Protein backbone atom coordinates (compact mmCIF):
# COMPACT_ATOMS: atom_id res chain seq x y z
CA MET A 1 -9.35 -193.62 72.51
CA THR A 2 -10.75 -192.70 69.08
CA ASP A 3 -12.61 -194.87 66.59
CA VAL A 4 -10.47 -193.67 63.68
CA GLU A 5 -9.19 -196.53 61.52
CA ASP A 6 -5.48 -196.68 60.78
CA PRO A 7 -4.94 -195.21 57.28
CA MET A 8 -3.04 -198.30 56.13
CA VAL A 9 -5.89 -200.54 57.26
CA THR A 10 -8.34 -198.31 55.41
CA LEU A 11 -6.15 -198.38 52.30
CA ARG A 12 -5.93 -202.20 52.34
CA ARG A 13 -9.69 -202.47 52.87
CA LEU A 14 -10.45 -200.10 49.98
CA ARG A 15 -7.95 -201.81 47.69
CA GLY A 16 -9.53 -205.17 48.55
CA SER A 17 -12.89 -203.81 47.43
CA ILE A 18 -11.35 -202.41 44.24
CA ASP A 19 -9.78 -205.81 43.51
CA ASN A 20 -13.15 -207.51 43.99
CA ILE A 21 -14.83 -205.02 41.67
CA ASP A 22 -12.12 -205.50 39.03
CA ALA A 23 -12.58 -209.27 39.19
CA SER A 24 -16.34 -208.86 38.81
CA LEU A 25 -15.86 -206.58 35.80
CA ILE A 26 -13.61 -209.13 34.11
CA TYR A 27 -16.17 -211.90 34.60
CA LEU A 28 -18.99 -209.64 33.40
CA LEU A 29 -17.02 -208.71 30.28
CA ALA A 30 -16.27 -212.37 29.62
CA GLU A 31 -19.98 -213.17 29.86
CA ARG A 32 -20.82 -210.24 27.60
CA PHE A 33 -18.36 -211.43 24.96
CA LYS A 34 -19.78 -214.97 25.13
CA CYS A 35 -23.15 -213.47 24.18
CA THR A 36 -21.78 -211.20 21.47
CA LYS A 37 -19.86 -214.11 19.92
CA GLN A 38 -23.17 -215.96 19.63
CA VAL A 39 -24.66 -212.87 17.99
CA GLY A 40 -21.70 -212.81 15.59
CA ARG A 41 -22.25 -216.44 14.61
CA LEU A 42 -25.97 -215.81 14.12
CA LYS A 43 -25.27 -212.78 11.95
CA ALA A 44 -22.72 -214.71 9.91
CA GLU A 45 -25.08 -217.64 9.38
CA HIS A 46 -27.77 -215.30 8.09
CA SER A 47 -25.51 -212.94 6.09
CA MET A 48 -26.24 -210.01 8.36
CA PRO A 49 -23.72 -207.14 8.61
CA PRO A 50 -21.25 -207.32 11.53
CA SER A 51 -22.20 -203.87 12.80
CA ASP A 52 -25.56 -202.27 13.46
CA PRO A 53 -25.08 -198.48 13.60
CA ALA A 54 -28.69 -197.79 14.63
CA ARG A 55 -28.43 -200.20 17.58
CA GLU A 56 -25.06 -198.76 18.55
CA GLU A 57 -26.51 -195.24 18.52
CA GLN A 58 -29.40 -196.34 20.76
CA GLN A 59 -26.98 -198.03 23.13
CA VAL A 60 -24.74 -194.96 23.34
CA ALA A 61 -27.73 -192.79 24.28
CA ARG A 62 -28.90 -195.39 26.82
CA LEU A 63 -25.47 -195.79 28.40
CA ARG A 64 -24.98 -192.03 28.60
CA ARG A 65 -28.28 -191.76 30.51
CA LEU A 66 -27.29 -194.61 32.81
CA ALA A 67 -23.88 -193.03 33.41
CA GLU A 68 -25.48 -189.74 34.36
CA GLU A 69 -27.85 -191.51 36.77
CA ALA A 70 -24.88 -193.35 38.28
CA GLU A 71 -22.84 -190.14 38.54
CA LEU A 72 -20.28 -191.50 36.07
CA ASP A 73 -18.86 -189.33 33.32
CA PRO A 74 -21.07 -190.03 30.25
CA GLU A 75 -18.09 -189.43 27.97
CA PHE A 76 -16.19 -192.18 29.75
CA ALA A 77 -19.17 -194.52 29.28
CA HIS A 78 -19.24 -193.62 25.59
CA LYS A 79 -15.50 -194.28 25.18
CA TRP A 80 -15.80 -197.60 27.00
CA PHE A 81 -18.71 -198.66 24.81
CA ALA A 82 -16.90 -197.64 21.61
CA PHE A 83 -13.90 -199.73 22.69
CA VAL A 84 -16.09 -202.76 23.42
CA VAL A 85 -18.08 -202.40 20.19
CA ALA A 86 -14.88 -202.25 18.13
CA GLU A 87 -13.81 -205.56 19.65
CA VAL A 88 -17.27 -207.08 19.12
CA ILE A 89 -17.27 -206.03 15.46
CA ARG A 90 -13.82 -207.57 15.05
CA HIS A 91 -15.21 -210.84 16.42
CA HIS A 92 -18.26 -210.61 14.14
CA GLU A 93 -16.08 -210.02 11.08
CA ALA A 94 -13.98 -213.06 12.01
CA ALA A 95 -17.14 -215.15 12.41
CA ALA A 96 -18.34 -213.99 8.97
CA GLU A 97 -15.02 -215.05 7.43
CA ASP A 98 -15.33 -218.48 9.05
CA ALA A 99 -18.92 -219.01 7.89
């Protein structure tokens, strides 16, 4: 008798882990957006611009380094960050309009 796991059992186990990771990512993103909405309100209250290109540039460099350390494609990390920042800026602009 071998100790090899049935491929379908392995597939279900791996998919279960993927589902857990996806759920964690959603909750982490929700928490991140709660924070960035607070930043948007703060910026709006103090007439600060919705975007901060210098900060974004620093973050891109930092996330690229982290991606490399994690063996994740740095270009993917950059694309993800650009997508998130675009949404954050949209929220900040909306907060500025409401202020």
